[in-house]
Amino acid sequence: MRVLLDTHMLIWMLEGYDYLVNDLEFQDLFLNKIDEIYFSPLSIWEIEIKKQKKTSKFKYDAEQIYFAAIDSNYTPLPFFPKAVLQLKNVALPHRDPFDHMLLAQAIDNKLVFLTHDHLFKGISNENIYYLKLS
């Protein structure tokens, strides 16, 4: 499986977040099912915006996350304007523009969008993998 990480998943995976490390579903997914991990410049942008606005409690800034992702062999996924055309295939019950664009980017690149965002819980879409985290 080729996955595009939601912004919080990118941060958590790079931080070694305890909920991920200790979760059996995540361990199985990471060790046995994920072939390639991608991250989006949209996530880097989102981190930087939230850091500048001081609306998040991120320990790291966008530059640190970017280079940690590269060092972890995550593949940066270029954002091409044609991904915007996939927005017609994105039906989300919330208005977060980053979530909409990340999912559109995943669809455009035939990737699975890996998230733990509760706003995705219960959405039936083959491009979304909602990680429950017990």
N, C-alpha and C. Protein backbone atom coordinates (compact mmCIF):
# COMPACT_ATOMS: atom_id res chain seq x y z
N MET A 1 0.84 -1.17 0.00
CA MET A 1 0.00 0.00 0.00
C MET A 1 0.89 1.24 0.00
N ARG A 2 0.52 2.20 -0.82
CA ARG A 2 1.22 3.48 -0.89
C ARG A 2 0.35 4.51 -0.19
N VAL A 3 0.91 5.19 0.82
CA VAL A 3 0.10 6.10 1.63
C VAL A 3 0.62 7.53 1.58
N LEU A 4 -0.34 8.44 1.65
CA LEU A 4 -0.05 9.86 1.87
C LEU A 4 -0.46 10.16 3.30
N LEU A 5 0.46 10.68 4.08
CA LEU A 5 0.20 10.93 5.49
C LEU A 5 -0.57 12.22 5.70
N ASP A 6 -1.60 12.14 6.54
CA ASP A 6 -2.25 13.35 7.03
C ASP A 6 -1.20 14.10 7.85
N THR A 7 -1.37 15.39 8.00
CA THR A 7 -0.35 16.20 8.66
C THR A 7 -0.02 15.70 10.06
N HIS A 8 -1.04 15.39 10.85
CA HIS A 8 -0.75 14.92 12.21
C HIS A 8 -0.06 13.56 12.20
N MET A 9 -0.38 12.71 11.23
CA MET A 9 0.29 11.41 11.14
C MET A 9 1.76 11.61 10.79
N LEU A 10 2.05 12.55 9.93
CA LEU A 10 3.44 12.86 9.59
C LEU A 10 4.21 13.26 10.84
N ILE A 11 3.64 14.16 11.61
CA ILE A 11 4.30 14.62 12.84
C ILE A 11 4.46 13.47 13.83
N TRP A 12 3.39 12.72 14.04
CA TRP A 12 3.44 11.62 15.02
C TRP A 12 4.45 10.56 14.63
N MET A 13 4.50 10.21 13.35
CA MET A 13 5.44 9.17 12.93
C MET A 13 6.87 9.64 13.11
N LEU A 14 7.12 10.89 12.88
CA LEU A 14 8.49 11.41 13.02
C LEU A 14 8.89 11.58 14.48
N GLU A 15 7.89 11.81 15.35
CA GLU A 15 8.17 11.98 16.77
C GLU A 15 8.24 10.65 17.52
N GLY A 16 7.83 9.55 16.87
CA GLY A 16 7.76 8.28 17.57
C GLY A 16 6.63 8.28 18.59
N TYR A 17 5.51 8.86 18.21
CA TYR A 17 4.34 9.02 19.07
C TYR A 17 3.95 7.69 19.73
N ASP A 18 3.83 7.68 21.04
CA ASP A 18 3.56 6.46 21.80
C ASP A 18 2.32 5.71 21.33
N TYR A 19 1.25 6.45 21.00
CA TYR A 19 0.03 5.78 20.54
C TYR A 19 0.29 4.96 19.28
N LEU A 20 1.15 5.44 18.41
CA LEU A 20 1.47 4.69 17.19
C LEU A 20 2.36 3.51 17.50
N VAL A 21 3.41 3.77 18.24
CA VAL A 21 4.40 2.73 18.54
C VAL A 21 3.76 1.54 19.25
N ASN A 22 2.79 1.81 20.11
CA ASN A 22 2.18 0.74 20.91
C ASN A 22 0.89 0.18 20.33
N ASP A 23 0.46 0.65 19.17
CA ASP A 23 -0.80 0.21 18.58
C ASP A 23 -0.56 -0.97 17.64
N LEU A 24 -1.27 -2.08 17.85
CA LEU A 24 -1.07 -3.28 17.03
C LEU A 24 -1.49 -3.08 15.59
N GLU A 25 -2.59 -2.36 15.36
CA GLU A 25 -3.03 -2.11 13.99
C GLU A 25 -1.98 -1.30 13.24
N PHE A 26 -1.44 -0.28 13.89
CA PHE A 26 -0.41 0.53 13.23
C PHE A 26 0.84 -0.30 12.96
N GLN A 27 1.26 -1.11 13.93
CA GLN A 27 2.44 -1.94 13.74
C GLN A 27 2.27 -2.87 12.55
N ASP A 28 1.09 -3.50 12.44
CA ASP A 28 0.82 -4.40 11.32
C ASP A 28 0.82 -3.61 10.00
N LEU A 29 0.17 -2.48 10.02
CA LEU A 29 0.11 -1.63 8.83
C LEU A 29 1.50 -1.21 8.40
N PHE A 30 2.29 -0.71 9.33
CA PHE A 30 3.62 -0.19 9.03
C PHE A 30 4.59 -1.30 8.62
N LEU A 31 4.53 -2.42 9.30
CA LEU A 31 5.48 -3.50 9.03
C LEU A 31 5.09 -4.39 7.85
N ASN A 32 3.78 -4.55 7.61
CA ASN A 32 3.34 -5.55 6.64
C ASN A 32 2.58 -5.03 5.43
N LYS A 33 2.04 -3.83 5.50
CA LYS A 33 1.15 -3.39 4.42
C LYS A 33 1.61 -2.15 3.69
N ILE A 34 2.32 -1.27 4.35
CA ILE A 34 2.75 -0.03 3.70
C ILE A 34 4.06 -0.27 2.95
N ASP A 35 4.02 0.04 1.66
CA ASP A 35 5.21 -0.10 0.82
C ASP A 35 5.95 1.22 0.67
N GLU A 36 5.19 2.30 0.54
CA GLU A 36 5.78 3.62 0.34
C GLU A 36 5.02 4.64 1.17
N ILE A 37 5.76 5.59 1.74
CA ILE A 37 5.17 6.66 2.54
C ILE A 37 5.48 7.99 1.87
N TYR A 38 4.42 8.75 1.62
CA TYR A 38 4.55 10.06 1.00
C TYR A 38 4.08 11.14 1.97
N PHE A 39 4.63 12.33 1.80
CA PHE A 39 4.12 13.49 2.52
C PHE A 39 3.97 14.63 1.53
N SER A 40 3.09 15.53 1.85
CA SER A 40 2.74 16.60 0.93
C SER A 40 3.33 17.94 1.36
N PRO A 41 3.67 18.78 0.38
CA PRO A 41 4.06 20.14 0.74
C PRO A 41 2.91 20.89 1.42
N LEU A 42 1.69 20.43 1.20
CA LEU A 42 0.54 21.04 1.88
C LEU A 42 0.64 20.85 3.39
N SER A 43 1.15 19.71 3.81
CA SER A 43 1.33 19.47 5.25
C SER A 43 2.41 20.39 5.82
N ILE A 44 3.47 20.56 5.08
CA ILE A 44 4.54 21.46 5.53
C ILE A 44 4.00 22.88 5.63
N TRP A 45 3.19 23.27 4.67
CA TRP A 45 2.57 24.58 4.67
C TRP A 45 1.63 24.74 5.86
N GLU A 46 0.81 23.70 6.11
CA GLU A 46 -0.12 23.74 7.24
C GLU A 46 0.63 23.88 8.57
N ILE A 47 1.71 23.15 8.73
CA ILE A 47 2.51 23.23 9.96
C ILE A 47 3.06 24.65 10.13
N GLU A 48 3.58 25.21 9.06
CA GLU A 48 4.15 26.55 9.14
C GLU A 48 3.09 27.60 9.47
N ILE A 49 1.93 27.50 8.85
CA ILE A 49 0.84 28.45 9.13
C ILE A 49 0.42 28.36 10.59
N LYS A 50 0.23 27.15 11.08
CA LYS A 50 -0.21 26.98 12.47
C LYS A 50 0.86 27.41 13.45
N LYS A 51 2.11 27.20 13.10
CA LYS A 51 3.22 27.63 13.96
C LYS A 51 3.28 29.15 14.02
N GLN A 52 3.14 29.81 12.88
CA GLN A 52 3.19 31.27 12.84
C GLN A 52 2.00 31.90 13.58
N LYS A 53 0.83 31.27 13.45
CA LYS A 53 -0.36 31.79 14.12
C LYS A 53 -0.41 31.40 15.59
N LYS A 54 0.51 30.50 15.97
CA LYS A 54 0.56 29.98 17.34
C LYS A 54 -0.76 29.29 17.73
N THR A 55 -1.34 28.58 16.74
CA THR A 55 -2.59 27.85 16.99
C THR A 55 -2.34 26.37 17.25
N SER A 56 -1.09 25.98 17.34
CA SER A 56 -0.78 24.58 17.59
C SER A 56 0.27 24.48 18.68
N LYS A 57 0.42 23.28 19.17
CA LYS A 57 1.45 23.02 20.18
C LYS A 57 2.55 22.15 19.59
N PHE A 58 2.79 22.30 18.29
CA PHE A 58 3.84 21.52 17.64
C PHE A 58 5.18 21.82 18.28
N LYS A 59 5.94 20.78 18.55
CA LYS A 59 7.28 20.96 19.10
C LYS A 59 8.27 21.41 18.04
N TYR A 60 7.95 21.08 16.79
CA TYR A 60 8.90 21.32 15.70
C TYR A 60 8.30 22.26 14.67
N ASP A 61 9.16 22.96 13.95
CA ASP A 61 8.66 23.83 12.90
C ASP A 61 8.65 23.07 11.57
N ALA A 62 8.15 23.73 10.55
CA ALA A 62 7.98 23.10 9.25
C ALA A 62 9.30 22.62 8.66
N GLU A 63 10.34 23.41 8.81
CA GLU A 63 11.65 23.02 8.27
C GLU A 63 12.17 21.75 8.94
N GLN A 64 12.03 21.67 10.25
CA GLN A 64 12.49 20.46 10.97
C GLN A 64 11.69 19.23 10.54
N ILE A 65 10.39 19.39 10.40
CA ILE A 65 9.55 18.27 9.96
C ILE A 65 9.92 17.84 8.54
N TYR A 66 10.11 18.81 7.67
CA TYR A 66 10.47 18.50 6.29
C TYR A 66 11.75 17.66 6.24
N PHE A 67 12.80 18.12 6.91
CA PHE A 67 14.08 17.41 6.84
C PHE A 67 14.03 16.08 7.59
N ALA A 68 13.25 15.99 8.64
CA ALA A 68 13.08 14.71 9.33
C ALA A 68 12.37 13.70 8.43
N ALA A 69 11.39 14.17 7.67
CA ALA A 69 10.68 13.29 6.73
C ALA A 69 11.63 12.80 5.64
N ILE A 70 12.45 13.69 5.11
CA ILE A 70 13.43 13.30 4.09
C ILE A 70 14.42 12.29 4.68
N ASP A 71 14.91 12.57 5.88
CA ASP A 71 15.85 11.67 6.55
C ASP A 71 15.24 10.30 6.84
N SER A 72 13.91 10.26 7.00
CA SER A 72 13.21 9.00 7.26
C SER A 72 12.82 8.27 5.98
N ASN A 73 13.28 8.78 4.86
CA ASN A 73 13.00 8.20 3.54
C ASN A 73 11.54 8.26 3.15
N TYR A 74 10.80 9.24 3.67
CA TYR A 74 9.45 9.50 3.19
C TYR A 74 9.62 10.30 1.90
N THR A 75 8.76 10.04 0.95
CA THR A 75 8.87 10.68 -0.36
C THR A 75 8.04 11.95 -0.41
N PRO A 76 8.66 13.08 -0.74
CA PRO A 76 7.86 14.30 -0.91
C PRO A 76 7.03 14.17 -2.19
N LEU A 77 5.76 14.43 -2.06
CA LEU A 77 4.84 14.30 -3.20
C LEU A 77 4.62 15.67 -3.81
N PRO A 78 5.06 15.89 -5.03
CA PRO A 78 4.83 17.21 -5.64
C PRO A 78 3.34 17.51 -5.71
N PHE A 79 3.02 18.77 -5.54
CA PHE A 79 1.62 19.17 -5.68
C PHE A 79 1.44 19.79 -7.05
N PHE A 80 0.64 19.12 -7.87
CA PHE A 80 0.35 19.62 -9.21
C PHE A 80 -1.07 20.18 -9.23
N PRO A 81 -1.29 21.28 -9.92
CA PRO A 81 -2.61 21.89 -9.94
C PRO A 81 -3.73 20.95 -10.38
N LYS A 82 -3.41 19.94 -11.18
CA LYS A 82 -4.49 19.04 -11.63
C LYS A 82 -5.10 18.26 -10.47
N ALA A 83 -4.41 18.18 -9.33
CA ALA A 83 -4.99 17.53 -8.15
C ALA A 83 -6.25 18.25 -7.70
N VAL A 84 -6.30 19.55 -7.94
CA VAL A 84 -7.48 20.34 -7.58
C VAL A 84 -8.72 19.80 -8.28
N LEU A 85 -8.54 19.25 -9.47
CA LEU A 85 -9.67 18.71 -10.22
C LEU A 85 -10.32 17.53 -9.50
N GLN A 86 -9.59 16.91 -8.58
CA GLN A 86 -10.14 15.78 -7.82
C GLN A 86 -11.06 16.23 -6.68
N LEU A 87 -11.11 17.52 -6.42
CA LEU A 87 -11.98 18.00 -5.34
C LEU A 87 -13.43 17.59 -5.55
N LYS A 88 -13.83 17.42 -6.80
CA LYS A 88 -15.20 16.97 -7.07
C LYS A 88 -15.45 15.57 -6.52
N ASN A 89 -14.38 14.81 -6.27
CA ASN A 89 -14.50 13.46 -5.72
C ASN A 89 -14.29 13.41 -4.21
N VAL A 90 -14.18 14.57 -3.59
CA VAL A 90 -13.94 14.65 -2.15
C VAL A 90 -15.21 15.13 -1.48
N ALA A 91 -15.81 14.22 -0.73
CA ALA A 91 -17.02 14.57 0.02
C ALA A 91 -16.71 14.40 1.50
N LEU A 92 -16.34 15.50 2.14
CA LEU A 92 -16.02 15.46 3.56
C LEU A 92 -17.03 16.31 4.32
N PRO A 93 -17.37 15.89 5.53
CA PRO A 93 -18.39 16.63 6.30
C PRO A 93 -17.84 17.89 6.99
N HIS A 94 -16.59 18.19 6.80
CA HIS A 94 -16.00 19.37 7.43
C HIS A 94 -15.33 20.22 6.37
N ARG A 95 -14.90 21.41 6.76
CA ARG A 95 -14.43 22.38 5.78
C ARG A 95 -12.93 22.64 5.81
N ASP A 96 -12.16 21.82 6.49
CA ASP A 96 -10.72 22.05 6.56
C ASP A 96 -10.12 21.95 5.16
N PRO A 97 -9.63 23.07 4.62
CA PRO A 97 -9.12 23.04 3.24
C PRO A 97 -7.91 22.13 3.07
N PHE A 98 -7.10 21.98 4.12
CA PHE A 98 -5.94 21.09 4.01
C PHE A 98 -6.39 19.64 3.88
N ASP A 99 -7.38 19.23 4.66
CA ASP A 99 -7.90 17.86 4.54
C ASP A 99 -8.47 17.62 3.14
N HIS A 100 -9.22 18.58 2.64
CA HIS A 100 -9.79 18.43 1.30
C HIS A 100 -8.70 18.28 0.24
N MET A 101 -7.70 19.14 0.32
CA MET A 101 -6.65 19.10 -0.71
C MET A 101 -5.75 17.88 -0.56
N LEU A 102 -5.45 17.48 0.68
CA LEU A 102 -4.63 16.28 0.86
C LEU A 102 -5.35 15.05 0.31
N LEU A 103 -6.64 14.94 0.57
CA LEU A 103 -7.40 13.81 0.04
C LEU A 103 -7.46 13.88 -1.49
N ALA A 104 -7.67 15.06 -2.05
CA ALA A 104 -7.67 15.21 -3.51
C ALA A 104 -6.32 14.81 -4.09
N GLN A 105 -5.25 15.20 -3.40
CA GLN A 105 -3.91 14.83 -3.86
C GLN A 105 -3.71 13.32 -3.80
N ALA A 106 -4.20 12.69 -2.74
CA ALA A 106 -4.10 11.22 -2.63
C ALA A 106 -4.86 10.56 -3.77
N ILE A 107 -6.07 11.01 -4.04
CA ILE A 107 -6.87 10.44 -5.13
C ILE A 107 -6.15 10.61 -6.45
N ASP A 108 -5.63 11.81 -6.70
CA ASP A 108 -4.96 12.11 -7.97
C ASP A 108 -3.73 11.23 -8.19
N ASN A 109 -3.08 10.84 -7.10
CA ASN A 109 -1.86 10.04 -7.21
C ASN A 109 -2.07 8.56 -6.89
N LYS A 110 -3.34 8.18 -6.76
CA LYS A 110 -3.70 6.78 -6.47
C LYS A 110 -3.02 6.28 -5.19
N LEU A 111 -3.13 7.11 -4.16
CA LEU A 111 -2.57 6.79 -2.85
C LEU A 111 -3.71 6.65 -1.85
N VAL A 112 -3.40 6.04 -0.73
CA VAL A 112 -4.34 5.96 0.38
C VAL A 112 -3.97 7.04 1.39
N PHE A 113 -4.95 7.81 1.81
CA PHE A 113 -4.75 8.89 2.76
C PHE A 113 -4.84 8.30 4.16
N LEU A 114 -3.72 8.30 4.89
CA LEU A 114 -3.65 7.70 6.23
C LEU A 114 -3.87 8.78 7.27
N THR A 115 -4.92 8.60 8.10
CA THR A 115 -5.29 9.60 9.08
C THR A 115 -5.82 8.96 10.35
N HIS A 116 -5.77 9.74 11.41
CA HIS A 116 -6.43 9.39 12.66
C HIS A 116 -7.39 10.51 13.06
N ASP A 117 -7.61 11.43 12.18
CA ASP A 117 -8.50 12.56 12.44
C ASP A 117 -9.93 12.04 12.62
N HIS A 118 -10.53 12.32 13.78
CA HIS A 118 -11.88 11.81 14.07
C HIS A 118 -12.91 12.29 13.05
N LEU A 119 -12.62 13.36 12.33
CA LEU A 119 -13.55 13.84 11.32
C LEU A 119 -13.67 12.89 10.13
N PHE A 120 -12.72 11.97 10.00
CA PHE A 120 -12.76 10.99 8.92
C PHE A 120 -13.40 9.67 9.35
N LYS A 121 -13.65 9.52 10.64
CA LYS A 121 -14.22 8.29 11.16
C LYS A 121 -15.59 8.04 10.53
N GLY A 122 -15.76 6.86 10.01
CA GLY A 122 -17.04 6.47 9.43
C GLY A 122 -17.24 6.87 7.98
N ILE A 123 -16.28 7.56 7.38
CA ILE A 123 -16.40 7.92 5.96
C ILE A 123 -16.00 6.71 5.12
N SER A 124 -16.87 6.32 4.24
CA SER A 124 -16.60 5.19 3.37
C SER A 124 -15.98 5.71 2.07
N ASN A 125 -14.68 5.51 1.93
CA ASN A 125 -13.96 5.96 0.75
C ASN A 125 -12.71 5.09 0.65
N GLU A 126 -12.52 4.47 -0.49
CA GLU A 126 -11.37 3.57 -0.67
C GLU A 126 -10.03 4.28 -0.57
N ASN A 127 -10.03 5.60 -0.68
CA ASN A 127 -8.78 6.37 -0.59
C ASN A 127 -8.45 6.82 0.82
N ILE A 128 -9.30 6.46 1.79
CA ILE A 128 -9.07 6.88 3.17
C ILE A 128 -8.85 5.65 4.04
N TYR A 129 -7.77 5.66 4.80
CA TYR A 129 -7.55 4.64 5.82
C TYR A 129 -7.58 5.37 7.16
N TYR A 130 -8.65 5.13 7.90
CA TYR A 130 -8.78 5.74 9.23
C TYR A 130 -8.17 4.78 10.24
N LEU A 131 -7.12 5.20 10.88
CA LEU A 131 -6.43 4.41 11.88
C LEU A 131 -7.08 4.67 13.24
N LYS A 132 -7.68 3.65 13.82
CA LYS A 132 -8.45 3.82 15.06
C LYS A 132 -7.57 4.19 16.26
N LEU A 133 -6.46 3.54 16.42
CA LEU A 133 -5.57 3.69 17.58
C LEU A 133 -6.28 3.35 18.88
N SER A 134 -6.02 2.17 19.35
CA SER A 134 -6.66 1.72 20.58
C SER A 134 -5.98 2.26 21.82
